[in-house]
Amino acid sequence: MALVYLERAERANARAPITELTVHRLVSTALVLAIKFHDDIYFNNDDYANMVGVTLEELNEAEKQLLKVLDWRLLVCAEEFDATLQMLL
């Protein structure tokens, strides 16, 4: 799911491509969003921030920005998930 979010974000925001300088925060944020959207039980952002080595403020801001870029569309249909999985294989 996180990879789908990253693909969507890259398509929606071509001015800010994924680079070696941004990939850690982007992947971490996409993972947090995927966990929070799809799981009933999850940690708070302070715990996630500690796990990935960023401040709570950085994670909160990154989450807010990624949600904005994704236009709050976090639902991933089966077809899009399968297409992303096939791309990985």
C-alpha atoms as a PDB file:
ATOM      1  CA  MET A   1       0.000   0.000   0.000  1.00  0.00           C
ATOM      2  CA  ALA A   2       2.812   2.381   0.863  1.00  0.00           C
ATOM      3  CA  LEU A   3       4.380   1.830  -2.548  1.00  0.00           C
ATOM      4  CA  VAL A   4       1.070   2.692  -4.213  1.00  0.00           C
ATOM      5  CA  TYR A   5       1.009   5.919  -2.204  1.00  0.00           C
ATOM      6  CA  LEU A   6       4.549   6.746  -3.315  1.00  0.00           C
ATOM      7  CA  GLU A   7       3.667   6.084  -6.954  1.00  0.00           C
ATOM      8  CA  ARG A   8       0.609   8.305  -6.673  1.00  0.00           C
ATOM      9  CA  ALA A   9       2.591  11.057  -4.974  1.00  0.00           C
ATOM     10  CA  GLU A  10       5.276  11.001  -7.633  1.00  0.00           C
ATOM     11  CA  ARG A  11       2.666  11.232 -10.410  1.00  0.00           C
ATOM     12  CA  ALA A  12       0.802  14.039  -8.626  1.00  0.00           C
ATOM     13  CA  ASN A  13       3.845  16.068  -7.641  1.00  0.00           C
ATOM     14  CA  ALA A  14       6.404  15.836 -10.452  1.00  0.00           C
ATOM     15  CA  ARG A  15       8.112  19.013  -9.178  1.00  0.00           C
ATOM     16  CA  ALA A  16       9.303  17.156  -6.070  1.00  0.00           C
ATOM     17  CA  PRO A  17      10.699  13.842  -7.311  1.00  0.00           C
ATOM     18  CA  ILE A  18      11.814  11.079  -4.993  1.00  0.00           C
ATOM     19  CA  THR A  19      15.579  11.344  -4.473  1.00  0.00           C
ATOM     20  CA  GLU A  20      18.164   9.800  -2.158  1.00  0.00           C
ATOM     21  CA  LEU A  21      17.671  12.837   0.085  1.00  0.00           C
ATOM     22  CA  THR A  22      13.895  12.449   0.430  1.00  0.00           C
ATOM     23  CA  VAL A  23      13.282   8.720   0.119  1.00  0.00           C
ATOM     24  CA  HIS A  24      13.695   7.864   3.833  1.00  0.00           C
ATOM     25  CA  ARG A  25      11.059  10.328   4.995  1.00  0.00           C
ATOM     26  CA  LEU A  26       8.725   9.583   2.105  1.00  0.00           C
ATOM     27  CA  VAL A  27       8.839   5.822   2.610  1.00  0.00           C
ATOM     28  CA  SER A  28       8.463   6.206   6.377  1.00  0.00           C
ATOM     29  CA  THR A  29       5.503   8.518   5.970  1.00  0.00           C
ATOM     30  CA  ALA A  30       3.843   6.307   3.367  1.00  0.00           C
ATOM     31  CA  LEU A  31       4.256   3.303   5.672  1.00  0.00           C
ATOM     32  CA  VAL A  32       2.734   5.182   8.601  1.00  0.00           C
ATOM     33  CA  LEU A  33      -0.235   6.262   6.488  1.00  0.00           C
ATOM     34  CA  ALA A  34      -0.761   2.724   5.193  1.00  0.00           C
ATOM     35  CA  ILE A  35      -0.631   1.285   8.703  1.00  0.00           C
ATOM     36  CA  LYS A  36      -2.982   3.883  10.135  1.00  0.00           C
ATOM     37  CA  PHE A  37      -5.472   3.573   7.263  1.00  0.00           C
ATOM     38  CA  HIS A  38      -5.590  -0.221   7.091  1.00  0.00           C
ATOM     39  CA  ASP A  39      -5.026  -1.420  10.663  1.00  0.00           C
ATOM     40  CA  ASP A  40      -7.385  -1.031  13.584  1.00  0.00           C
ATOM     41  CA  ILE A  41      -4.558  -0.940  16.108  1.00  0.00           C
ATOM     42  CA  TYR A  42      -1.483   1.229  15.582  1.00  0.00           C
ATOM     43  CA  PHE A  43       1.062   3.273  17.521  1.00  0.00           C
ATOM     44  CA  ASN A  44       0.957   7.038  17.912  1.00  0.00           C
ATOM     45  CA  ASN A  45       3.102   9.288  15.728  1.00  0.00           C
ATOM     46  CA  ASP A  46       5.639   9.870  18.491  1.00  0.00           C
ATOM     47  CA  ASP A  47       6.417   6.147  18.529  1.00  0.00           C
ATOM     48  CA  TYR A  48       6.687   5.995  14.729  1.00  0.00           C
ATOM     49  CA  ALA A  49       8.922   9.065  14.691  1.00  0.00           C
ATOM     50  CA  ASN A  50      11.265   7.415  17.190  1.00  0.00           C
ATOM     51  CA  MET A  51      11.289   4.192  15.147  1.00  0.00           C
ATOM     52  CA  VAL A  52      12.324   5.901  11.919  1.00  0.00           C
ATOM     53  CA  GLY A  53      14.653   8.495  13.420  1.00  0.00           C
ATOM     54  CA  VAL A  54      12.816  11.749  12.778  1.00  0.00           C
ATOM     55  CA  THR A  55      11.214  14.234  15.129  1.00  0.00           C
ATOM     56  CA  LEU A  56       7.501  14.129  15.843  1.00  0.00           C
ATOM     57  CA  GLU A  57       7.134  17.509  14.160  1.00  0.00           C
ATOM     58  CA  GLU A  58       8.899  16.273  11.009  1.00  0.00           C
ATOM     59  CA  LEU A  59       6.686  13.188  10.795  1.00  0.00           C
ATOM     60  CA  ASN A  60       3.507  15.179  11.427  1.00  0.00           C
ATOM     61  CA  GLU A  61       4.442  17.675   8.714  1.00  0.00           C
ATOM     62  CA  ALA A  62       5.428  14.935   6.262  1.00  0.00           C
ATOM     63  CA  GLU A  63       2.163  13.114   6.930  1.00  0.00           C
ATOM     64  CA  LYS A  64       0.171  16.304   6.388  1.00  0.00           C
ATOM     65  CA  GLN A  65       2.000  17.067   3.133  1.00  0.00           C
ATOM     66  CA  LEU A  66       1.672  13.536   1.766  1.00  0.00           C
ATOM     67  CA  LEU A  67      -2.040  13.466   2.564  1.00  0.00           C
ATOM     68  CA  LYS A  68      -2.416  16.773   0.730  1.00  0.00           C
ATOM     69  CA  VAL A  69      -0.511  15.485  -2.324  1.00  0.00           C
ATOM     70  CA  LEU A  70      -2.611  12.307  -2.304  1.00  0.00           C
ATOM     71  CA  ASP A  71      -5.774  14.413  -1.973  1.00  0.00           C
ATOM     72  CA  TRP A  72      -6.606  12.230   1.071  1.00  0.00           C
ATOM     73  CA  ARG A  73      -7.161   9.238  -1.273  1.00  0.00           C
ATOM     74  CA  LEU A  74      -5.742   6.330   0.714  1.00  0.00           C
ATOM     75  CA  LEU A  75      -8.049   3.567  -0.472  1.00  0.00           C
ATOM     76  CA  VAL A  76      -6.240   1.230  -2.876  1.00  0.00           C
ATOM     77  CA  CYS A  77      -8.419  -0.917  -5.119  1.00  0.00           C
ATOM     78  CA  ALA A  78      -7.449  -4.510  -5.851  1.00  0.00           C
ATOM     79  CA  GLU A  79      -6.536  -3.733  -9.455  1.00  0.00           C
ATOM     80  CA  GLU A  80      -4.117  -0.956  -8.506  1.00  0.00           C
ATOM     81  CA  PHE A  81      -2.567  -3.128  -5.789  1.00  0.00           C
ATOM     82  CA  ASP A  82      -2.141  -6.025  -8.244  1.00  0.00           C
ATOM     83  CA  ALA A  83      -0.593  -3.746 -10.877  1.00  0.00           C
ATOM     84  CA  THR A  84       1.902  -2.438  -8.326  1.00  0.00           C
ATOM     85  CA  LEU A  85       2.692  -5.972  -7.179  1.00  0.00           C
ATOM     86  CA  GLN A  86       3.290  -7.057 -10.787  1.00  0.00           C
ATOM     87  CA  MET A  87       5.598  -4.098 -11.291  1.00  0.00           C
ATOM     88  CA  LEU A  88       7.671  -5.315  -8.326  1.00  0.00           C
ATOM     89  CA  LEU A  89       7.852  -8.851  -9.634  1.00  0.00           C
END
